[in-house]
């Protein structure tokens, strides 16, 4: 639903940090995908 190259993922101790330049729809989709990925404890959104 969005280009994966628009979002950078950094994981530290099971916390997934999301960076990128996105709109609200893309941000919501990316957060939902990340938070439901096995092993991710929480998601921190630092996207623009």
ModelCIF file with pLDDT and N, C-alpha, C, O atoms, coordinates in Angstrom:
data_MODEL
#
_entry.id   MODEL 
#
_entity.id                         1 
_entity.type                       polymer 
_entity.pdbx_number_of_molecules   1 
#
_entity_poly.entity_id                      1 
_entity_poly.type                           'polypeptide(L)' 
_entity_poly.nstd_linkage                   no 
_entity_poly.nstd_monomer                   no 
_entity_poly.pdbx_seq_one_letter_code       
;(UNK)(UNK)(UNK)(UNK)(UNK)(UNK)(UNK)(UNK)(UNK)(UNK)(UNK)(UNK)(UNK)(UNK)(UNK)(UNK)
(UNK)(UNK)(UNK)(UNK)(UNK)(UNK)(UNK)(UNK)(UNK)(UNK)(UNK)(UNK)(UNK)(UNK)(UNK)(UNK)
(UNK)(UNK)(UNK)(UNK)(UNK)(UNK)(UNK)(UNK)(UNK)(UNK)(UNK)(UNK)(UNK)(UNK)(UNK)(UNK)
;
_entity_poly.pdbx_seq_one_letter_code_can   XXXXXXXXXXXXXXXXXXXXXXXXXXXXXXXXXXXXXXXXXXXXXXXX 
_entity_poly.pdbx_strand_id                 A 
#
loop_
_entity_poly_seq.entity_id 
_entity_poly_seq.num 
_entity_poly_seq.mon_id 
_entity_poly_seq.hetero 
1 1  UNK n 
1 2  UNK n 
1 3  UNK n 
1 4  UNK n 
1 5  UNK n 
1 6  UNK n 
1 7  UNK n 
1 8  UNK n 
1 9  UNK n 
1 10 UNK n 
1 11 UNK n 
1 12 UNK n 
1 13 UNK n 
1 14 UNK n 
1 15 UNK n 
1 16 UNK n 
1 17 UNK n 
1 18 UNK n 
1 19 UNK n 
1 20 UNK n 
1 21 UNK n 
1 22 UNK n 
1 23 UNK n 
1 24 UNK n 
1 25 UNK n 
1 26 UNK n 
1 27 UNK n 
1 28 UNK n 
1 29 UNK n 
1 30 UNK n 
1 31 UNK n 
1 32 UNK n 
1 33 UNK n 
1 34 UNK n 
1 35 UNK n 
1 36 UNK n 
1 37 UNK n 
1 38 UNK n 
1 39 UNK n 
1 40 UNK n 
1 41 UNK n 
1 42 UNK n 
1 43 UNK n 
1 44 UNK n 
1 45 UNK n 
1 46 UNK n 
1 47 UNK n 
1 48 UNK n 
#
_struct_asym.id          A 
_struct_asym.entity_id   1 
#
loop_
_ma_qa_metric.id 
_ma_qa_metric.mode 
_ma_qa_metric.name 
_ma_qa_metric.software_group_id 
_ma_qa_metric.type 
1 global pLDDT . pLDDT 
2 local  pLDDT . pLDDT 
#
_ma_qa_metric_global.metric_id      1 
_ma_qa_metric_global.metric_value   97.15 
_ma_qa_metric_global.model_id       1 
_ma_qa_metric_global.ordinal_id     1 
#
loop_
_ma_qa_metric_local.label_asym_id 
_ma_qa_metric_local.label_comp_id 
_ma_qa_metric_local.label_seq_id 
_ma_qa_metric_local.metric_id 
_ma_qa_metric_local.metric_value 
_ma_qa_metric_local.model_id 
_ma_qa_metric_local.ordinal_id 
A UNK 1  2 89.00 1 1  
A UNK 2  2 93.00 1 2  
A UNK 3  2 94.00 1 3  
A UNK 4  2 94.00 1 4  
A UNK 5  2 93.00 1 5  
A UNK 6  2 96.00 1 6  
A UNK 7  2 97.00 1 7  
A UNK 8  2 97.00 1 8  
A UNK 9  2 98.00 1 9  
A UNK 10 2 98.00 1 10 
A UNK 11 2 98.00 1 11 
A UNK 12 2 97.00 1 12 
A UNK 13 2 96.00 1 13 
A UNK 14 2 97.00 1 14 
A UNK 15 2 98.00 1 15 
A UNK 16 2 98.00 1 16 
A UNK 17 2 98.00 1 17 
A UNK 18 2 98.00 1 18 
A UNK 19 2 98.00 1 19 
A UNK 20 2 98.00 1 20 
A UNK 21 2 98.00 1 21 
A UNK 22 2 98.00 1 22 
A UNK 23 2 98.00 1 23 
A UNK 24 2 98.00 1 24 
A UNK 25 2 97.00 1 25 
A UNK 26 2 97.00 1 26 
A UNK 27 2 98.00 1 27 
A UNK 28 2 97.00 1 28 
A UNK 29 2 97.00 1 29 
A UNK 30 2 98.00 1 30 
A UNK 31 2 98.00 1 31 
A UNK 32 2 98.00 1 32 
A UNK 33 2 98.00 1 33 
A UNK 34 2 98.00 1 34 
A UNK 35 2 98.00 1 35 
A UNK 36 2 98.00 1 36 
A UNK 37 2 98.00 1 37 
A UNK 38 2 97.00 1 38 
A UNK 39 2 98.00 1 39 
A UNK 40 2 98.00 1 40 
A UNK 41 2 97.00 1 41 
A UNK 42 2 98.00 1 42 
A UNK 43 2 98.00 1 43 
A UNK 44 2 98.00 1 44 
A UNK 45 2 98.00 1 45 
A UNK 46 2 98.00 1 46 
A UNK 47 2 98.00 1 47 
A UNK 48 2 98.00 1 48 
#
loop_
_atom_site.group_PDB 
_atom_site.id 
_atom_site.type_symbol 
_atom_site.label_atom_id 
_atom_site.label_alt_id 
_atom_site.label_comp_id 
_atom_site.label_asym_id 
_atom_site.label_entity_id 
_atom_site.label_seq_id 
_atom_site.pdbx_PDB_ins_code 
_atom_site.Cartn_x 
_atom_site.Cartn_y 
_atom_site.Cartn_z 
_atom_site.occupancy 
_atom_site.B_iso_or_equiv 
_atom_site.pdbx_formal_charge 
_atom_site.auth_seq_id 
_atom_site.auth_comp_id 
_atom_site.auth_asym_id 
_atom_site.auth_atom_id 
_atom_site.pdbx_PDB_model_num 
ATOM 1   N N  . UNK A 1 1  ? 0.809  -1.218  0.000  1.00 89.00 ? 1  UNK A N  1 
ATOM 2   C CA . UNK A 1 1  ? 0.000  0.000   0.000  1.00 89.00 ? 1  UNK A CA 1 
ATOM 3   C C  . UNK A 1 1  ? 0.845  1.273   0.000  1.00 89.00 ? 1  UNK A C  1 
ATOM 4   O O  . UNK A 1 1  ? 0.332  2.368   -0.232 1.00 89.00 ? 1  UNK A O  1 
ATOM 5   N N  . UNK A 1 2  ? 2.140  1.120   0.261  1.00 93.00 ? 2  UNK A N  1 
ATOM 6   C CA . UNK A 1 2  ? 3.053  2.262   0.186  1.00 93.00 ? 2  UNK A CA 1 
ATOM 7   C C  . UNK A 1 2  ? 4.422  1.736   -0.213 1.00 93.00 ? 2  UNK A C  1 
ATOM 8   O O  . UNK A 1 2  ? 4.700  0.543   -0.090 1.00 93.00 ? 2  UNK A O  1 
ATOM 9   N N  . UNK A 1 3  ? 5.267  2.627   -0.687 1.00 94.00 ? 3  UNK A N  1 
ATOM 10  C CA . UNK A 1 3  ? 6.609  2.202   -1.068 1.00 94.00 ? 3  UNK A CA 1 
ATOM 11  C C  . UNK A 1 3  ? 7.445  1.962   0.184  1.00 94.00 ? 3  UNK A C  1 
ATOM 12  O O  . UNK A 1 3  ? 7.598  2.880   0.991  1.00 94.00 ? 3  UNK A O  1 
ATOM 13  N N  . UNK A 1 4  ? 7.991  0.764   0.376  1.00 94.00 ? 4  UNK A N  1 
ATOM 14  C CA . UNK A 1 4  ? 8.769  0.484   1.581  1.00 94.00 ? 4  UNK A CA 1 
ATOM 15  C C  . UNK A 1 4  ? 10.043 1.296   1.683  1.00 94.00 ? 4  UNK A C  1 
ATOM 16  O O  . UNK A 1 4  ? 10.592 1.445   2.775  1.00 94.00 ? 4  UNK A O  1 
ATOM 17  N N  . UNK A 1 5  ? 10.527 1.829   0.561  1.00 93.00 ? 5  UNK A N  1 
ATOM 18  C CA . UNK A 1 5  ? 11.741 2.628   0.614  1.00 93.00 ? 5  UNK A CA 1 
ATOM 19  C C  . UNK A 1 5  ? 11.492 4.033   1.155  1.00 93.00 ? 5  UNK A C  1 
ATOM 20  O O  . UNK A 1 5  ? 12.437 4.800   1.337  1.00 93.00 ? 5  UNK A O  1 
ATOM 21  N N  . UNK A 1 6  ? 10.230 4.377   1.413  1.00 96.00 ? 6  UNK A N  1 
ATOM 22  C CA . UNK A 1 6  ? 9.929  5.679   2.000  1.00 96.00 ? 6  UNK A CA 1 
ATOM 23  C C  . UNK A 1 6  ? 10.095 5.675   3.518  1.00 96.00 ? 6  UNK A C  1 
ATOM 24  O O  . UNK A 1 6  ? 10.056 6.730   4.151  1.00 96.00 ? 6  UNK A O  1 
ATOM 25  N N  . UNK A 1 7  ? 10.279 4.498   4.098  1.00 97.00 ? 7  UNK A N  1 
ATOM 26  C CA . UNK A 1 7  ? 10.350 4.396   5.555  1.00 97.00 ? 7  UNK A CA 1 
ATOM 27  C C  . UNK A 1 7  ? 11.586 3.599   5.961  1.00 97.00 ? 7  UNK A C  1 
ATOM 28  O O  . UNK A 1 7  ? 11.822 2.496   5.467  1.00 97.00 ? 7  UNK A O  1 
ATOM 29  N N  . UNK A 1 8  ? 12.364 4.176   6.864  1.00 97.00 ? 8  UNK A N  1 
ATOM 30  C CA . UNK A 1 8  ? 13.541 3.501   7.409  1.00 97.00 ? 8  UNK A CA 1 
ATOM 31  C C  . UNK A 1 8  ? 13.174 2.911   8.766  1.00 97.00 ? 8  UNK A C  1 
ATOM 32  O O  . UNK A 1 8  ? 12.522 3.565   9.580  1.00 97.00 ? 8  UNK A O  1 
ATOM 33  N N  . UNK A 1 9  ? 13.599 1.671   9.003  1.00 98.00 ? 9  UNK A N  1 
ATOM 34  C CA . UNK A 1 9  ? 13.314 0.983   10.258 1.00 98.00 ? 9  UNK A CA 1 
ATOM 35  C C  . UNK A 1 9  ? 14.611 0.753   11.027 1.00 98.00 ? 9  UNK A C  1 
ATOM 36  O O  . UNK A 1 9  ? 15.593 0.256   10.474 1.00 98.00 ? 9  UNK A O  1 
ATOM 37  N N  . UNK A 1 10 ? 14.603 1.116   12.293 1.00 98.00 ? 10 UNK A N  1 
ATOM 38  C CA . UNK A 1 10 ? 15.727 0.854   13.193 1.00 98.00 ? 10 UNK A CA 1 
ATOM 39  C C  . UNK A 1 10 ? 15.166 0.125   14.405 1.00 98.00 ? 10 UNK A C  1 
ATOM 40  O O  . UNK A 1 10 ? 14.239 0.622   15.044 1.00 98.00 ? 10 UNK A O  1 
ATOM 41  N N  . UNK A 1 11 ? 15.710 -1.045  14.732 1.00 98.00 ? 11 UNK A N  1 
ATOM 42  C CA . UNK A 1 11 ? 15.226 -1.803  15.886 1.00 98.00 ? 11 UNK A CA 1 
ATOM 43  C C  . UNK A 1 11 ? 16.312 -1.874  16.947 1.00 98.00 ? 11 UNK A C  1 
ATOM 44  O O  . UNK A 1 11 ? 17.464 -2.197  16.660 1.00 98.00 ? 11 UNK A O  1 
ATOM 45  N N  . UNK A 1 12 ? 15.929 -1.570  18.164 1.00 97.00 ? 12 UNK A N  1 
ATOM 46  C CA . UNK A 1 12 ? 16.861 -1.603  19.294 1.00 97.00 ? 12 UNK A CA 1 
ATOM 47  C C  . UNK A 1 12 ? 16.139 -2.220  20.486 1.00 97.00 ? 12 UNK A C  1 
ATOM 48  O O  . UNK A 1 12 ? 15.150 -1.676  20.977 1.00 97.00 ? 12 UNK A O  1 
ATOM 49  N N  . UNK A 1 13 ? 16.655 -3.384  20.953 1.00 96.00 ? 13 UNK A N  1 
ATOM 50  C CA . UNK A 1 13 ? 16.071 -4.089  22.099 1.00 96.00 ? 13 UNK A CA 1 
ATOM 51  C C  . UNK A 1 13 ? 14.577 -4.358  21.892 1.00 96.00 ? 13 UNK A C  1 
ATOM 52  O O  . UNK A 1 13 ? 13.786 -4.266  22.830 1.00 96.00 ? 13 UNK A O  1 
ATOM 53  N N  . UNK A 1 14 ? 14.205 -4.688  20.661 1.00 97.00 ? 14 UNK A N  1 
ATOM 54  C CA . UNK A 1 14 ? 12.824 -5.009  20.354 1.00 97.00 ? 14 UNK A CA 1 
ATOM 55  C C  . UNK A 1 14 ? 11.923 -3.821  20.108 1.00 97.00 ? 14 UNK A C  1 
ATOM 56  O O  . UNK A 1 14 ? 10.736 -3.992  19.830 1.00 97.00 ? 14 UNK A O  1 
ATOM 57  N N  . UNK A 1 15 ? 12.470 -2.608  20.205 1.00 98.00 ? 15 UNK A N  1 
ATOM 58  C CA . UNK A 1 15 ? 11.703 -1.393  19.925 1.00 98.00 ? 15 UNK A CA 1 
ATOM 59  C C  . UNK A 1 15 ? 11.976 -0.983  18.480 1.00 98.00 ? 15 UNK A C  1 
ATOM 60  O O  . UNK A 1 15 ? 13.127 -0.777  18.095 1.00 98.00 ? 15 UNK A O  1 
ATOM 61  N N  . UNK A 1 16 ? 10.917 -0.865  17.683 1.00 98.00 ? 16 UNK A N  1 
ATOM 62  C CA . UNK A 1 16 ? 11.061 -0.493  16.278 1.00 98.00 ? 16 UNK A CA 1 
ATOM 63  C C  . UNK A 1 16 ? 10.826 1.007   16.114 1.00 98.00 ? 16 UNK A C  1 
ATOM 64  O O  . UNK A 1 16 ? 9.752  1.515   16.435 1.00 98.00 ? 16 UNK A O  1 
ATOM 65  N N  . UNK A 1 17 ? 11.831 1.698   15.619 1.00 98.00 ? 17 UNK A N  1 
ATOM 66  C CA . UNK A 1 17 ? 11.737 3.126   15.353 1.00 98.00 ? 17 UNK A CA 1 
ATOM 67  C C  . UNK A 1 17 ? 11.517 3.309   13.855 1.00 98.00 ? 17 UNK A C  1 
ATOM 68  O O  . UNK A 1 17 ? 12.221 2.709   13.042 1.00 98.00 ? 17 UNK A O  1 
ATOM 69  N N  . UNK A 1 18 ? 10.546 4.133   13.493 1.00 98.00 ? 18 UNK A N  1 
ATOM 70  C CA . UNK A 1 18 ? 10.220 4.360   12.089 1.00 98.00 ? 18 UNK A CA 1 
ATOM 71  C C  . UNK A 1 18 ? 10.555 5.795   11.703 1.00 98.00 ? 18 UNK A C  1 
ATOM 72  O O  . UNK A 1 18 ? 10.119 6.742   12.358 1.00 98.00 ? 18 UNK A O  1 
ATOM 73  N N  . UNK A 1 19 ? 11.337 5.949   10.627 1.00 98.00 ? 19 UNK A N  1 
ATOM 74  C CA . UNK A 1 19 ? 11.718 7.251   10.114 1.00 98.00 ? 19 UNK A CA 1 
ATOM 75  C C  . UNK A 1 19 ? 11.284 7.352   8.661  1.00 98.00 ? 19 UNK A C  1 
ATOM 76  O O  . UNK A 1 19 ? 11.204 6.338   7.968  1.00 98.00 ? 19 UNK A O  1 
ATOM 77  N N  . UNK A 1 20 ? 11.002 8.565   8.190  1.00 98.00 ? 20 UNK A N  1 
ATOM 78  C CA . UNK A 1 20 ? 10.648 8.744   6.795  1.00 98.00 ? 20 UNK A CA 1 
ATOM 79  C C  . UNK A 1 20 ? 9.853  10.014  6.581  1.00 98.00 ? 20 UNK A C  1 
ATOM 80  O O  . UNK A 1 20 ? 9.540  10.741  7.524  1.00 98.00 ? 20 UNK A O  1 
ATOM 81  N N  . UNK A 1 21 ? 9.532  10.265  5.325  1.00 98.00 ? 21 UNK A N  1 
ATOM 82  C CA . UNK A 1 21 ? 8.670  11.389  4.954  1.00 98.00 ? 21 UNK A CA 1 
ATOM 83  C C  . UNK A 1 21 ? 7.407  10.768  4.367  1.00 98.00 ? 21 UNK A C  1 
ATOM 84  O O  . UNK A 1 21 ? 7.431  10.241  3.255  1.00 98.00 ? 21 UNK A O  1 
ATOM 85  N N  . UNK A 1 22 ? 6.309  10.830  5.108  1.00 98.00 ? 22 UNK A N  1 
ATOM 86  C CA . UNK A 1 22 ? 5.092  10.111  4.731  1.00 98.00 ? 22 UNK A CA 1 
ATOM 87  C C  . UNK A 1 22 ? 3.850  10.943  5.024  1.00 98.00 ? 22 UNK A C  1 
ATOM 88  O O  . UNK A 1 22 ? 3.903  11.941  5.743  1.00 98.00 ? 22 UNK A O  1 
ATOM 89  N N  . UNK A 1 23 ? 2.732  10.508  4.449  1.00 98.00 ? 23 UNK A N  1 
ATOM 90  C CA . UNK A 1 23 ? 1.459  11.128  4.806  1.00 98.00 ? 23 UNK A CA 1 
ATOM 91  C C  . UNK A 1 23 ? 0.788  10.309  5.912  1.00 98.00 ? 23 UNK A C  1 
ATOM 92  O O  . UNK A 1 23 ? 1.298  9.261   6.308  1.00 98.00 ? 23 UNK A O  1 
ATOM 93  N N  . UNK A 1 24 ? -0.348 10.786  6.405  1.00 98.00 ? 24 UNK A N  1 
ATOM 94  C CA . UNK A 1 24 ? -1.009 10.142  7.543  1.00 98.00 ? 24 UNK A CA 1 
ATOM 95  C C  . UNK A 1 24 ? -1.382 8.685   7.247  1.00 98.00 ? 24 UNK A C  1 
ATOM 96  O O  . UNK A 1 24 ? -1.207 7.811   8.096  1.00 98.00 ? 24 UNK A O  1 
ATOM 97  N N  . UNK A 1 25 ? -1.889 8.433   6.054  1.00 97.00 ? 25 UNK A N  1 
ATOM 98  C CA . UNK A 1 25 ? -2.305 7.074   5.697  1.00 97.00 ? 25 UNK A CA 1 
ATOM 99  C C  . UNK A 1 25 ? -1.117 6.123   5.681  1.00 97.00 ? 25 UNK A C  1 
ATOM 100 O O  . UNK A 1 25 ? -1.197 5.008   6.196  1.00 97.00 ? 25 UNK A O  1 
ATOM 101 N N  . UNK A 1 26 ? -0.024 6.565   5.093  1.00 97.00 ? 26 UNK A N  1 
ATOM 102 C CA . UNK A 1 26 ? 1.174  5.733   5.035  1.00 97.00 ? 26 UNK A CA 1 
ATOM 103 C C  . UNK A 1 26 ? 1.725  5.494   6.435  1.00 97.00 ? 26 UNK A C  1 
ATOM 104 O O  . UNK A 1 26 ? 2.145  4.385   6.763  1.00 97.00 ? 26 UNK A O  1 
ATOM 105 N N  . UNK A 1 27 ? 1.722  6.541   7.260  1.00 98.00 ? 27 UNK A N  1 
ATOM 106 C CA . UNK A 1 27 ? 2.214  6.414   8.629  1.00 98.00 ? 27 UNK A CA 1 
ATOM 107 C C  . UNK A 1 27 ? 1.401  5.388   9.413  1.00 98.00 ? 27 UNK A C  1 
ATOM 108 O O  . UNK A 1 27 ? 1.966  4.525   10.085 1.00 98.00 ? 27 UNK A O  1 
ATOM 109 N N  . UNK A 1 28 ? 0.086  5.483   9.327  1.00 97.00 ? 28 UNK A N  1 
ATOM 110 C CA . UNK A 1 28 ? -0.791 4.565   10.063 1.00 97.00 ? 28 UNK A CA 1 
ATOM 111 C C  . UNK A 1 28 ? -0.570 3.122   9.615  1.00 97.00 ? 28 UNK A C  1 
ATOM 112 O O  . UNK A 1 28 ? -0.524 2.212   10.442 1.00 97.00 ? 28 UNK A O  1 
ATOM 113 N N  . UNK A 1 29 ? -0.433 2.914   8.300  1.00 97.00 ? 29 UNK A N  1 
ATOM 114 C CA . UNK A 1 29 ? -0.221 1.563   7.770  1.00 97.00 ? 29 UNK A CA 1 
ATOM 115 C C  . UNK A 1 29 ? 1.110  0.991   8.247  1.00 97.00 ? 29 UNK A C  1 
ATOM 116 O O  . UNK A 1 29 ? 1.190  -0.172  8.640  1.00 97.00 ? 29 UNK A O  1 
ATOM 117 N N  . UNK A 1 30 ? 2.158  1.823   8.208  1.00 98.00 ? 30 UNK A N  1 
ATOM 118 C CA . UNK A 1 30 ? 3.486  1.368   8.616  1.00 98.00 ? 30 UNK A CA 1 
ATOM 119 C C  . UNK A 1 30 ? 3.520  1.018   10.104 1.00 98.00 ? 30 UNK A C  1 
ATOM 120 O O  . UNK A 1 30 ? 4.110  0.011   10.495 1.00 98.00 ? 30 UNK A O  1 
ATOM 121 N N  . UNK A 1 31 ? 2.891  1.844   10.924 1.00 98.00 ? 31 UNK A N  1 
ATOM 122 C CA . UNK A 1 31 ? 2.860  1.585   12.362 1.00 98.00 ? 31 UNK A CA 1 
ATOM 123 C C  . UNK A 1 31 ? 2.116  0.286   12.660 1.00 98.00 ? 31 UNK A C  1 
ATOM 124 O O  . UNK A 1 31 ? 2.559  -0.511  13.487 1.00 98.00 ? 31 UNK A O  1 
ATOM 125 N N  . UNK A 1 32 ? 0.992  0.076   11.990 1.00 98.00 ? 32 UNK A N  1 
ATOM 126 C CA . UNK A 1 32 ? 0.200  -1.137  12.202 1.00 98.00 ? 32 UNK A CA 1 
ATOM 127 C C  . UNK A 1 32 ? 0.996  -2.376  11.811 1.00 98.00 ? 32 UNK A C  1 
ATOM 128 O O  . UNK A 1 32 ? 0.971  -3.380  12.523 1.00 98.00 ? 32 UNK A O  1 
ATOM 129 N N  . UNK A 1 33 ? 1.695  -2.314  10.693 1.00 98.00 ? 33 UNK A N  1 
ATOM 130 C CA . UNK A 1 33 ? 2.502  -3.447  10.254 1.00 98.00 ? 33 UNK A CA 1 
ATOM 131 C C  . UNK A 1 33 ? 3.622  -3.722  11.256 1.00 98.00 ? 33 UNK A C  1 
ATOM 132 O O  . UNK A 1 33 ? 3.842  -4.870  11.643 1.00 98.00 ? 33 UNK A O  1 
ATOM 133 N N  . UNK A 1 34 ? 4.323  -2.680  11.674 1.00 98.00 ? 34 UNK A N  1 
ATOM 134 C CA . UNK A 1 34 ? 5.452  -2.847  12.589 1.00 98.00 ? 34 UNK A CA 1 
ATOM 135 C C  . UNK A 1 34 ? 5.002  -3.409  13.932 1.00 98.00 ? 34 UNK A C  1 
ATOM 136 O O  . UNK A 1 34 ? 5.624  -4.327  14.467 1.00 98.00 ? 34 UNK A O  1 
ATOM 137 N N  . UNK A 1 35 ? 3.924  -2.859  14.471 1.00 98.00 ? 35 UNK A N  1 
ATOM 138 C CA . UNK A 1 35 ? 3.495  -3.268  15.812 1.00 98.00 ? 35 UNK A CA 1 
ATOM 139 C C  . UNK A 1 35 ? 2.954  -4.691  15.850 1.00 98.00 ? 35 UNK A C  1 
ATOM 140 O O  . UNK A 1 35 ? 2.895  -5.300  16.919 1.00 98.00 ? 35 UNK A O  1 
ATOM 141 N N  . UNK A 1 36 ? 2.560  -5.226  14.706 1.00 98.00 ? 36 UNK A N  1 
ATOM 142 C CA . UNK A 1 36 ? 2.045  -6.597  14.655 1.00 98.00 ? 36 UNK A CA 1 
ATOM 143 C C  . UNK A 1 36 ? 3.088  -7.584  14.131 1.00 98.00 ? 36 UNK A C  1 
ATOM 144 O O  . UNK A 1 36 ? 2.762  -8.737  13.848 1.00 98.00 ? 36 UNK A O  1 
ATOM 145 N N  . UNK A 1 37 ? 4.329  -7.142  14.000 1.00 98.00 ? 37 UNK A N  1 
ATOM 146 C CA . UNK A 1 37 ? 5.407  -8.027  13.575 1.00 98.00 ? 37 UNK A CA 1 
ATOM 147 C C  . UNK A 1 37 ? 5.968  -8.765  14.787 1.00 98.00 ? 37 UNK A C  1 
ATOM 148 O O  . UNK A 1 37 ? 6.249  -8.155  15.818 1.00 98.00 ? 37 UNK A O  1 
ATOM 149 N N  . UNK A 1 38 ? 6.124  -10.049 14.659 1.00 97.00 ? 38 UNK A N  1 
ATOM 150 C CA . UNK A 1 38 ? 6.626  -10.852 15.769 1.00 97.00 ? 38 UNK A CA 1 
ATOM 151 C C  . UNK A 1 38 ? 7.996  -10.360 16.230 1.00 97.00 ? 38 UNK A C  1 
ATOM 152 O O  . UNK A 1 38 ? 8.894  -10.146 15.416 1.00 97.00 ? 38 UNK A O  1 
ATOM 153 N N  . UNK A 1 39 ? 8.145  -10.184 17.537 1.00 98.00 ? 39 UNK A N  1 
ATOM 154 C CA . UNK A 1 39 ? 9.410  -9.729  18.106 1.00 98.00 ? 39 UNK A CA 1 
ATOM 155 C C  . UNK A 1 39 ? 9.429  -8.253  18.446 1.00 98.00 ? 39 UNK A C  1 
ATOM 156 O O  . UNK A 1 39 ? 10.263 -7.811  19.235 1.00 98.00 ? 39 UNK A O  1 
ATOM 157 N N  . UNK A 1 40 ? 8.516  -7.478  17.859 1.00 98.00 ? 40 UNK A N  1 
ATOM 158 C CA . UNK A 1 40 ? 8.467  -6.035  18.141 1.00 98.00 ? 40 UNK A CA 1 
ATOM 159 C C  . UNK A 1 40 ? 7.722  -5.802  19.453 1.00 98.00 ? 40 UNK A C  1 
ATOM 160 O O  . UNK A 1 40 ? 6.557  -6.175  19.584 1.00 98.00 ? 40 UNK A O  1 
ATOM 161 N N  . UNK A 1 41 ? 8.392  -5.191  20.415 1.00 97.00 ? 41 UNK A N  1 
ATOM 162 C CA . UNK A 1 41 ? 7.766  -4.914  21.712 1.00 97.00 ? 41 UNK A CA 1 
ATOM 163 C C  . UNK A 1 41 ? 6.915  -3.647  21.658 1.00 97.00 ? 41 UNK A C  1 
ATOM 164 O O  . UNK A 1 41 ? 5.825  -3.592  22.228 1.00 97.00 ? 41 UNK A O  1 
ATOM 165 N N  . UNK A 1 42 ? 7.426  -2.637  20.970 1.00 98.00 ? 42 UNK A N  1 
ATOM 166 C CA . UNK A 1 42 ? 6.689  -1.384  20.819 1.00 98.00 ? 42 UNK A CA 1 
ATOM 167 C C  . UNK A 1 42 ? 7.230  -0.640  19.608 1.00 98.00 ? 42 UNK A C  1 
ATOM 168 O O  . UNK A 1 42 ? 8.315  -0.949  19.113 1.00 98.00 ? 42 UNK A O  1 
ATOM 169 N N  . UNK A 1 43 ? 6.472  0.338   19.135 1.00 98.00 ? 43 UNK A N  1 
ATOM 170 C CA . UNK A 1 43 ? 6.863  1.123   17.965 1.00 98.00 ? 43 UNK A CA 1 
ATOM 171 C C  . UNK A 1 43 ? 6.988  2.586   18.363 1.00 98.00 ? 43 UNK A C  1 
ATOM 172 O O  . UNK A 1 43 ? 6.105  3.131   19.025 1.00 98.00 ? 43 UNK A O  1 
ATOM 173 N N  . UNK A 1 44 ? 8.071  3.215   17.964 1.00 98.00 ? 44 UNK A N  1 
ATOM 174 C CA . UNK A 1 44 ? 8.263  4.648   18.197 1.00 98.00 ? 44 UNK A CA 1 
ATOM 175 C C  . UNK A 1 44 ? 8.239  5.346   16.840 1.00 98.00 ? 44 UNK A C  1 
ATOM 176 O O  . UNK A 1 44 ? 9.059  5.056   15.969 1.00 98.00 ? 44 UNK A O  1 
ATOM 177 N N  . UNK A 1 45 ? 7.306  6.256   16.673 1.00 98.00 ? 45 UNK A N  1 
ATOM 178 C CA . UNK A 1 45 ? 7.117  6.947   15.405 1.00 98.00 ? 45 UNK A CA 1 
ATOM 179 C C  . UNK A 1 45 ? 7.890  8.261   15.389 1.00 98.00 ? 45 UNK A C  1 
ATOM 180 O O  . UNK A 1 45 ? 7.531  9.207   16.089 1.00 98.00 ? 45 UNK A O  1 
ATOM 181 N N  . UNK A 1 46 ? 8.946  8.315   14.594 1.00 98.00 ? 46 UNK A N  1 
ATOM 182 C CA . UNK A 1 46 ? 9.680  9.577   14.398 1.00 98.00 ? 46 UNK A CA 1 
ATOM 183 C C  . UNK A 1 46 ? 9.641  9.970   12.920 1.00 98.00 ? 46 UNK A C  1 
ATOM 184 O O  . UNK A 1 46 ? 10.550 10.631  12.417 1.00 98.00 ? 46 UNK A O  1 
ATOM 185 N N  . UNK A 1 47 ? 8.573  9.552   12.236 1.00 98.00 ? 47 UNK A N  1 
ATOM 186 C CA . UNK A 1 47 ? 8.399  9.917   10.829 1.00 98.00 ? 47 UNK A CA 1 
ATOM 187 C C  . UNK A 1 47 ? 7.951  11.370  10.705 1.00 98.00 ? 47 UNK A C  1 
ATOM 188 O O  . UNK A 1 47 ? 7.272  11.897  11.587 1.00 98.00 ? 47 UNK A O  1 
ATOM 189 N N  . UNK A 1 48 ? 8.333  12.008  9.609  1.00 98.00 ? 48 UNK A N  1 
ATOM 190 C CA . UNK A 1 48 ? 7.875  13.361  9.301  1.00 98.00 ? 48 UNK A CA 1 
ATOM 191 C C  . UNK A 1 48 ? 6.560  13.245  8.534  1.00 98.00 ? 48 UNK A C  1 
ATOM 192 O O  . UNK A 1 48 ? 5.972  14.259  8.159  1.00 98.00 ? 48 UNK A O  1 
#
